Amino acid sequence: MTHPTVSAPAVAPVPVAIPWRTLAPWLAFASVLGVVLLYFVGAEQGVLSVIAGETVHEFVHDGRHLLGFPCH
């Protein structure tokens, strides 16, 4: 009582080209965001601190250890 199933032929996906002019602002935004994030995780403490106190340091404390930054 089983019926053989016939699958449709596989259709290869067609690659879509993304123009650099469209991609460039997103790459710039991601780069700036990455640098800001790296600053807050890696250097936001001490004399160079933008936000006073230990709030940012304690908030990203475990992330600093995971990324290999010394913080003690």
PDB file of N, CA and C in Angstrom:
ATOM      1  N   MET A   1       0.793  -1.190   0.000  1.00  0.00           N
ATOM      2  CA  MET A   1       0.000   0.000   0.000  1.00  0.00           C
ATOM      3  C   MET A   1       0.840   1.261   0.000  1.00  0.00           C
ATOM      4  N   THR A   2       2.110   1.101  -0.088  1.00  0.00           N
ATOM      5  CA  THR A   2       2.947   2.297  -0.175  1.00  0.00           C
ATOM      6  C   THR A   2       3.033   2.739  -1.614  1.00  0.00           C
ATOM      7  N   HIS A   3       3.013   4.022  -1.786  1.00  0.00           N
ATOM      8  CA  HIS A   3       3.109   4.588  -3.122  1.00  0.00           C
ATOM      9  C   HIS A   3       4.468   5.255  -3.267  1.00  0.00           C
ATOM     10  N   PRO A   4       5.133   5.004  -4.351  1.00  0.00           N
ATOM     11  CA  PRO A   4       6.421   5.673  -4.555  1.00  0.00           C
ATOM     12  C   PRO A   4       6.197   7.179  -4.735  1.00  0.00           C
ATOM     13  N   THR A   5       7.069   7.939  -4.113  1.00  0.00           N
ATOM     14  CA  THR A   5       6.967   9.394  -4.263  1.00  0.00           C
ATOM     15  C   THR A   5       7.983   9.871  -5.282  1.00  0.00           C
ATOM     16  N   VAL A   6       7.550  10.798  -6.065  1.00  0.00           N
ATOM     17  CA  VAL A   6       8.421  11.373  -7.085  1.00  0.00           C
ATOM     18  C   VAL A   6       8.724  12.800  -6.656  1.00  0.00           C
ATOM     19  N   SER A   7       9.997  13.079  -6.454  1.00  0.00           N
ATOM     20  CA  SER A   7      10.369  14.432  -6.043  1.00  0.00           C
ATOM     21  C   SER A   7      10.613  15.297  -7.268  1.00  0.00           C
ATOM     22  N   ALA A   8      10.401  16.572  -7.075  1.00  0.00           N
ATOM     23  CA  ALA A   8      10.637  17.523  -8.153  1.00  0.00           C
ATOM     24  C   ALA A   8      12.142  17.649  -8.378  1.00  0.00           C
ATOM     25  N   PRO A   9      12.541  17.944  -9.584  1.00  0.00           N
ATOM     26  CA  PRO A   9      13.981  18.105  -9.845  1.00  0.00           C
ATOM     27  C   PRO A   9      14.543  19.271  -9.028  1.00  0.00           C
ATOM     28  N   ALA A  10      15.760  19.096  -8.569  1.00  0.00           N
ATOM     29  CA  ALA A  10      16.408  20.126  -7.751  1.00  0.00           C
ATOM     30  C   ALA A  10      16.702  21.354  -8.601  1.00  0.00           C
ATOM     31  N   VAL A  11      16.388  22.502  -8.044  1.00  0.00           N
ATOM     32  CA  VAL A  11      16.647  23.762  -8.731  1.00  0.00           C
ATOM     33  C   VAL A  11      17.818  24.432  -8.028  1.00  0.00           C
ATOM     34  N   ALA A  12      18.838  24.729  -8.778  1.00  0.00           N
ATOM     35  CA  ALA A  12      20.025  25.369  -8.207  1.00  0.00           C
ATOM     36  C   ALA A  12      19.712  26.826  -7.869  1.00  0.00           C
ATOM     37  N   PRO A  13      20.130  27.288  -6.690  1.00  0.00           N
ATOM     38  CA  PRO A  13      19.891  28.695  -6.346  1.00  0.00           C
ATOM     39  C   PRO A  13      20.716  29.619  -7.237  1.00  0.00           C
ATOM     40  N   VAL A  14      20.123  30.726  -7.576  1.00  0.00           N
ATOM     41  CA  VAL A  14      20.791  31.699  -8.429  1.00  0.00           C
ATOM     42  C   VAL A  14      21.463  32.741  -7.530  1.00  0.00           C
ATOM     43  N   PRO A  15      22.783  32.911  -7.629  1.00  0.00           N
ATOM     44  CA  PRO A  15      23.455  33.914  -6.795  1.00  0.00           C
ATOM     45  C   PRO A  15      23.025  35.328  -7.195  1.00  0.00           C
ATOM     46  N   VAL A  16      22.841  36.158  -6.187  1.00  0.00           N
ATOM     47  CA  VAL A  16      22.445  37.540  -6.422  1.00  0.00           C
ATOM     48  C   VAL A  16      23.627  38.434  -6.073  1.00  0.00           C
ATOM     49  N   ALA A  17      24.008  39.265  -6.988  1.00  0.00           N
ATOM     50  CA  ALA A  17      25.129  40.181  -6.757  1.00  0.00           C
ATOM     51  C   ALA A  17      24.648  41.390  -5.959  1.00  0.00           C
ATOM     52  N   ILE A  18      25.373  41.712  -4.886  1.00  0.00           N
ATOM     53  CA  ILE A  18      25.060  42.894  -4.087  1.00  0.00           C
ATOM     54  C   ILE A  18      26.095  43.956  -4.435  1.00  0.00           C
ATOM     55  N   PRO A  19      25.652  45.090  -4.964  1.00  0.00           N
ATOM     56  CA  PRO A  19      26.614  46.123  -5.357  1.00  0.00           C
ATOM     57  C   PRO A  19      27.340  46.717  -4.148  1.00  0.00           C
ATOM     58  N   TRP A  20      28.617  47.040  -4.337  1.00  0.00           N
ATOM     59  CA  TRP A  20      29.432  47.604  -3.259  1.00  0.00           C
ATOM     60  C   TRP A  20      28.859  48.918  -2.752  1.00  0.00           C
ATOM     61  N   ARG A  21      28.246  49.683  -3.647  1.00  0.00           N
ATOM     62  CA  ARG A  21      27.675  50.971  -3.252  1.00  0.00           C
ATOM     63  C   ARG A  21      26.568  50.781  -2.214  1.00  0.00           C
ATOM     64  N   THR A  22      25.846  49.685  -2.299  1.00  0.00           N
ATOM     65  CA  THR A  22      24.799  49.380  -1.329  1.00  0.00           C
ATOM     66  C   THR A  22      25.392  48.798  -0.054  1.00  0.00           C
ATOM     67  N   LEU A  23      26.446  48.047  -0.178  1.00  0.00           N
ATOM     68  CA  LEU A  23      27.040  47.348   0.954  1.00  0.00           C
ATOM     69  C   LEU A  23      27.969  48.234   1.793  1.00  0.00           C
ATOM     70  N   ALA A  24      28.583  49.231   1.189  1.00  0.00           N
ATOM     71  CA  ALA A  24      29.584  50.066   1.865  1.00  0.00           C
ATOM     72  C   ALA A  24      29.075  50.756   3.134  1.00  0.00           C
ATOM     73  N   PRO A  25      27.894  51.382   3.136  1.00  0.00           N
ATOM     74  CA  PRO A  25      27.447  52.022   4.389  1.00  0.00           C
ATOM     75  C   PRO A  25      27.255  51.025   5.525  1.00  0.00           C
ATOM     76  N   TRP A  26      26.775  49.841   5.217  1.00  0.00           N
ATOM     77  CA  TRP A  26      26.577  48.822   6.250  1.00  0.00           C
ATOM     78  C   TRP A  26      27.912  48.331   6.792  1.00  0.00           C
ATOM     79  N   LEU A  27      28.904  48.192   5.929  1.00  0.00           N
ATOM     80  CA  LEU A  27      30.236  47.787   6.381  1.00  0.00           C
ATOM     81  C   LEU A  27      30.868  48.869   7.252  1.00  0.00           C
ATOM     82  N   ALA A  28      30.689  50.125   6.875  1.00  0.00           N
ATOM     83  CA  ALA A  28      31.227  51.224   7.679  1.00  0.00           C
ATOM     84  C   ALA A  28      30.542  51.270   9.045  1.00  0.00           C
ATOM     85  N   PHE A  29      29.227  51.119   9.069  1.00  0.00           N
ATOM     86  CA  PHE A  29      28.481  51.123  10.324  1.00  0.00           C
ATOM     87  C   PHE A  29      28.924  49.973  11.224  1.00  0.00           C
ATOM     88  N   ALA A  30      29.062  48.778  10.660  1.00  0.00           N
ATOM     89  CA  ALA A  30      29.483  47.615  11.444  1.00  0.00           C
ATOM     90  C   ALA A  30      30.906  47.797  11.968  1.00  0.00           C
ATOM     91  N   SER A  31      31.779  48.408  11.173  1.00  0.00           N
ATOM     92  CA  SER A  31      33.156  48.641  11.611  1.00  0.00           C
ATOM     93  C   SER A  31      33.211  49.632  12.771  1.00  0.00           C
ATOM     94  N   VAL A  32      32.487  50.730  12.661  1.00  0.00           N
ATOM     95  CA  VAL A  32      32.466  51.725  13.741  1.00  0.00           C
ATOM     96  C   VAL A  32      31.861  51.123  15.002  1.00  0.00           C
ATOM     97  N   LEU A  33      30.778  50.386  14.851  1.00  0.00           N
ATOM     98  CA  LEU A  33      30.149  49.740  16.001  1.00  0.00           C
ATOM     99  C   LEU A  33      31.098  48.740  16.657  1.00  0.00           C
ATOM    100  N   GLY A  34      31.850  47.995  15.852  1.00  0.00           N
ATOM    101  CA  GLY A  34      32.818  47.041  16.388  1.00  0.00           C
ATOM    102  C   GLY A  34      33.939  47.719  17.151  1.00  0.00           C
ATOM    103  N   VAL A  35      34.436  48.840  16.629  1.00  0.00           N
ATOM    104  CA  VAL A  35      35.509  49.570  17.310  1.00  0.00           C
ATOM    105  C   VAL A  35      35.005  50.154  18.630  1.00  0.00           C
ATOM    106  N   VAL A  36      33.800  50.696  18.637  1.00  0.00           N
ATOM    107  CA  VAL A  36      33.230  51.241  19.876  1.00  0.00           C
ATOM    108  C   VAL A  36      33.031  50.130  20.897  1.00  0.00           C
ATOM    109  N   LEU A  37      32.522  48.995  20.457  1.00  0.00           N
ATOM    110  CA  LEU A  37      32.324  47.863  21.359  1.00  0.00           C
ATOM    111  C   LEU A  37      33.657  47.360  21.911  1.00  0.00           C
ATOM    112  N   LEU A  38      34.664  47.273  21.052  1.00  0.00           N
ATOM    113  CA  LEU A  38      35.985  46.843  21.498  1.00  0.00           C
ATOM    114  C   LEU A  38      36.575  47.828  22.508  1.00  0.00           C
ATOM    115  N   TYR A  39      36.343  49.127  22.304  1.00  0.00           N
ATOM    116  CA  TYR A  39      36.817  50.121  23.270  1.00  0.00           C
ATOM    117  C   TYR A  39      36.162  49.907  24.629  1.00  0.00           C
ATOM    118  N   PHE A  40      34.843  49.760  24.646  1.00  0.00           N
ATOM    119  CA  PHE A  40      34.153  49.622  25.925  1.00  0.00           C
ATOM    120  C   PHE A  40      34.506  48.326  26.631  1.00  0.00           C
ATOM    121  N   VAL A  41      34.751  47.272  25.883  1.00  0.00           N
ATOM    122  CA  VAL A  41      35.130  46.014  26.522  1.00  0.00           C
ATOM    123  C   VAL A  41      36.591  46.045  26.949  1.00  0.00           C
ATOM    124  N   GLY A  42      37.459  46.625  26.129  1.00  0.00           N
ATOM    125  CA  GLY A  42      38.885  46.528  26.391  1.00  0.00           C
ATOM    126  C   GLY A  42      39.530  47.673  27.125  1.00  0.00           C
ATOM    127  N   ALA A  43      39.014  48.892  26.994  1.00  0.00           N
ATOM    128  CA  ALA A  43      39.754  50.031  27.529  1.00  0.00           C
ATOM    129  C   ALA A  43      38.936  50.964  28.394  1.00  0.00           C
ATOM    130  N   GLU A  44      37.685  50.693  28.608  1.00  0.00           N
ATOM    131  CA  GLU A  44      36.829  51.603  29.385  1.00  0.00           C
ATOM    132  C   GLU A  44      37.078  51.422  30.867  1.00  0.00           C
ATOM    133  N   GLN A  45      38.165  51.997  31.324  1.00  0.00           N
ATOM    134  CA  GLN A  45      38.477  51.998  32.755  1.00  0.00           C
ATOM    135  C   GLN A  45      39.620  52.964  32.996  1.00  0.00           C
ATOM    136  N   GLY A  46      39.788  53.375  34.210  1.00  0.00           N
ATOM    137  CA  GLY A  46      40.917  54.222  34.576  1.00  0.00           C
ATOM    138  C   GLY A  46      40.827  55.637  34.044  1.00  0.00           C
ATOM    139  N   VAL A  47      41.974  56.180  33.635  1.00  0.00           N
ATOM    140  CA  VAL A  47      42.065  57.570  33.200  1.00  0.00           C
ATOM    141  C   VAL A  47      41.305  57.805  31.899  1.00  0.00           C
ATOM    142  N   LEU A  48      41.286  56.816  31.017  1.00  0.00           N
ATOM    143  CA  LEU A  48      40.629  56.966  29.726  1.00  0.00           C
ATOM    144  C   LEU A  48      39.126  56.728  29.787  1.00  0.00           C
ATOM    145  N   SER A  49      38.578  56.596  30.952  1.00  0.00           N
ATOM    146  CA  SER A  49      37.170  56.261  31.117  1.00  0.00           C
ATOM    147  C   SER A  49      36.260  57.379  30.626  1.00  0.00           C
ATOM    148  N   VAL A  50      35.295  57.030  29.799  1.00  0.00           N
ATOM    149  CA  VAL A  50      34.295  57.981  29.323  1.00  0.00           C
ATOM    150  C   VAL A  50      33.180  58.102  30.348  1.00  0.00           C
ATOM    151  N   ILE A  51      32.791  56.981  30.931  1.00  0.00           N
ATOM    152  CA  ILE A  51      31.746  56.942  31.946  1.00  0.00           C
ATOM    153  C   ILE A  51      32.426  56.729  33.295  1.00  0.00           C
ATOM    154  N   ALA A  52      32.198  57.635  34.234  1.00  0.00           N
ATOM    155  CA  ALA A  52      32.857  57.558  35.540  1.00  0.00           C
ATOM    156  C   ALA A  52      32.372  56.350  36.330  1.00  0.00           C
ATOM    157  N   GLY A  53      33.265  55.809  37.143  1.00  0.00           N
ATOM    158  CA  GLY A  53      32.907  54.687  38.005  1.00  0.00           C
ATOM    159  C   GLY A  53      33.268  53.351  37.380  1.00  0.00           C
ATOM    160  N   GLU A  54      32.839  52.305  38.037  1.00  0.00           N
ATOM    161  CA  GLU A  54      33.160  50.943  37.615  1.00  0.00           C
ATOM    162  C   GLU A  54      31.990  50.243  36.928  1.00  0.00           C
ATOM    163  N   THR A  55      30.940  50.979  36.583  1.00  0.00           N
ATOM    164  CA  THR A  55      29.734  50.361  36.034  1.00  0.00           C
ATOM    165  C   THR A  55      30.013  49.599  34.747  1.00  0.00           C
ATOM    166  N   VAL A  56      30.649  50.242  33.787  1.00  0.00           N
ATOM    167  CA  VAL A  56      30.921  49.587  32.507  1.00  0.00           C
ATOM    168  C   VAL A  56      31.894  48.435  32.704  1.00  0.00           C
ATOM    169  N   HIS A  57      32.908  48.635  33.529  1.00  0.00           N
ATOM    170  CA  HIS A  57      33.897  47.587  33.780  1.00  0.00           C
ATOM    171  C   HIS A  57      33.231  46.337  34.347  1.00  0.00           C
ATOM    172  N   GLU A  58      32.371  46.499  35.316  1.00  0.00           N
ATOM    173  CA  GLU A  58      31.707  45.341  35.920  1.00  0.00           C
ATOM    174  C   GLU A  58      30.686  44.723  34.974  1.00  0.00           C
ATOM    175  N   PHE A  59      30.062  45.535  34.133  1.00  0.00           N
ATOM    176  CA  PHE A  59      29.071  45.023  33.190  1.00  0.00           C
ATOM    177  C   PHE A  59      29.710  44.108  32.148  1.00  0.00           C
ATOM    178  N   VAL A  60      30.925  44.430  31.699  1.00  0.00           N
ATOM    179  CA  VAL A  60      31.593  43.635  30.663  1.00  0.00           C
ATOM    180  C   VAL A  60      32.740  42.805  31.233  1.00  0.00           C
ATOM    181  N   HIS A  61      32.754  42.598  32.546  1.00  0.00           N
ATOM    182  CA  HIS A  61      33.857  41.920  33.213  1.00  0.00           C
ATOM    183  C   HIS A  61      34.131  40.523  32.651  1.00  0.00           C
ATOM    184  N   ASP A  62      33.119  39.685  32.543  1.00  0.00           N
ATOM    185  CA  ASP A  62      33.328  38.324  32.039  1.00  0.00           C
ATOM    186  C   ASP A  62      33.726  38.332  30.569  1.00  0.00           C
ATOM    187  N   GLY A  63      33.175  39.249  29.802  1.00  0.00           N
ATOM    188  CA  GLY A  63      33.554  39.364  28.398  1.00  0.00           C
ATOM    189  C   GLY A  63      35.017  39.729  28.236  1.00  0.00           C
ATOM    190  N   ARG A  64      35.522  40.563  29.140  1.00  0.00           N
ATOM    191  CA  ARG A  64      36.943  40.920  29.105  1.00  0.00           C
ATOM    192  C   ARG A  64      37.808  39.688  29.293  1.00  0.00           C
ATOM    193  N   HIS A  65      37.439  38.841  30.247  1.00  0.00           N
ATOM    194  CA  HIS A  65      38.214  37.619  30.473  1.00  0.00           C
ATOM    195  C   HIS A  65      38.126  36.682  29.273  1.00  0.00           C
ATOM    196  N   LEU A  66      36.944  36.548  28.680  1.00  0.00           N
ATOM    197  CA  LEU A  66      36.787  35.667  27.521  1.00  0.00           C
ATOM    198  C   LEU A  66      37.601  36.146  26.326  1.00  0.00           C
ATOM    199  N   LEU A  67      37.761  37.461  26.175  1.00  0.00           N
ATOM    200  CA  LEU A  67      38.541  38.010  25.069  1.00  0.00           C
ATOM    201  C   LEU A  67      40.029  38.109  25.382  1.00  0.00           C
ATOM    202  N   GLY A  68      40.421  37.777  26.611  1.00  0.00           N
ATOM    203  CA  GLY A  68      41.834  37.767  26.965  1.00  0.00           C
ATOM    204  C   GLY A  68      42.369  39.082  27.494  1.00  0.00           C
ATOM    205  N   PHE A  69      41.511  40.037  27.837  1.00  0.00           N
ATOM    206  CA  PHE A  69      41.967  41.299  28.405  1.00  0.00           C
ATOM    207  C   PHE A  69      42.232  41.121  29.893  1.00  0.00           C
ATOM    208  N   PRO A  70      43.373  41.582  30.380  1.00  0.00           N
ATOM    209  CA  PRO A  70      43.588  41.550  31.829  1.00  0.00           C
ATOM    210  C   PRO A  70      42.804  42.697  32.471  1.00  0.00           C
ATOM    211  N   CYS A  71      42.224  42.431  33.614  1.00  0.00           N
ATOM    212  CA  CYS A  71      41.462  43.514  34.248  1.00  0.00           C
ATOM    213  C   CYS A  71      41.651  43.544  35.757  1.00  0.00           C
ATOM    214  N   HIS A  72      42.620  42.852  36.283  1.00  0.00           N
ATOM    215  CA  HIS A  72      42.866  42.887  37.728  1.00  0.00           C
ATOM    216  C   HIS A  72      44.304  43.308  37.965  1.00  0.00           C
TER     217      HIS A  72
END
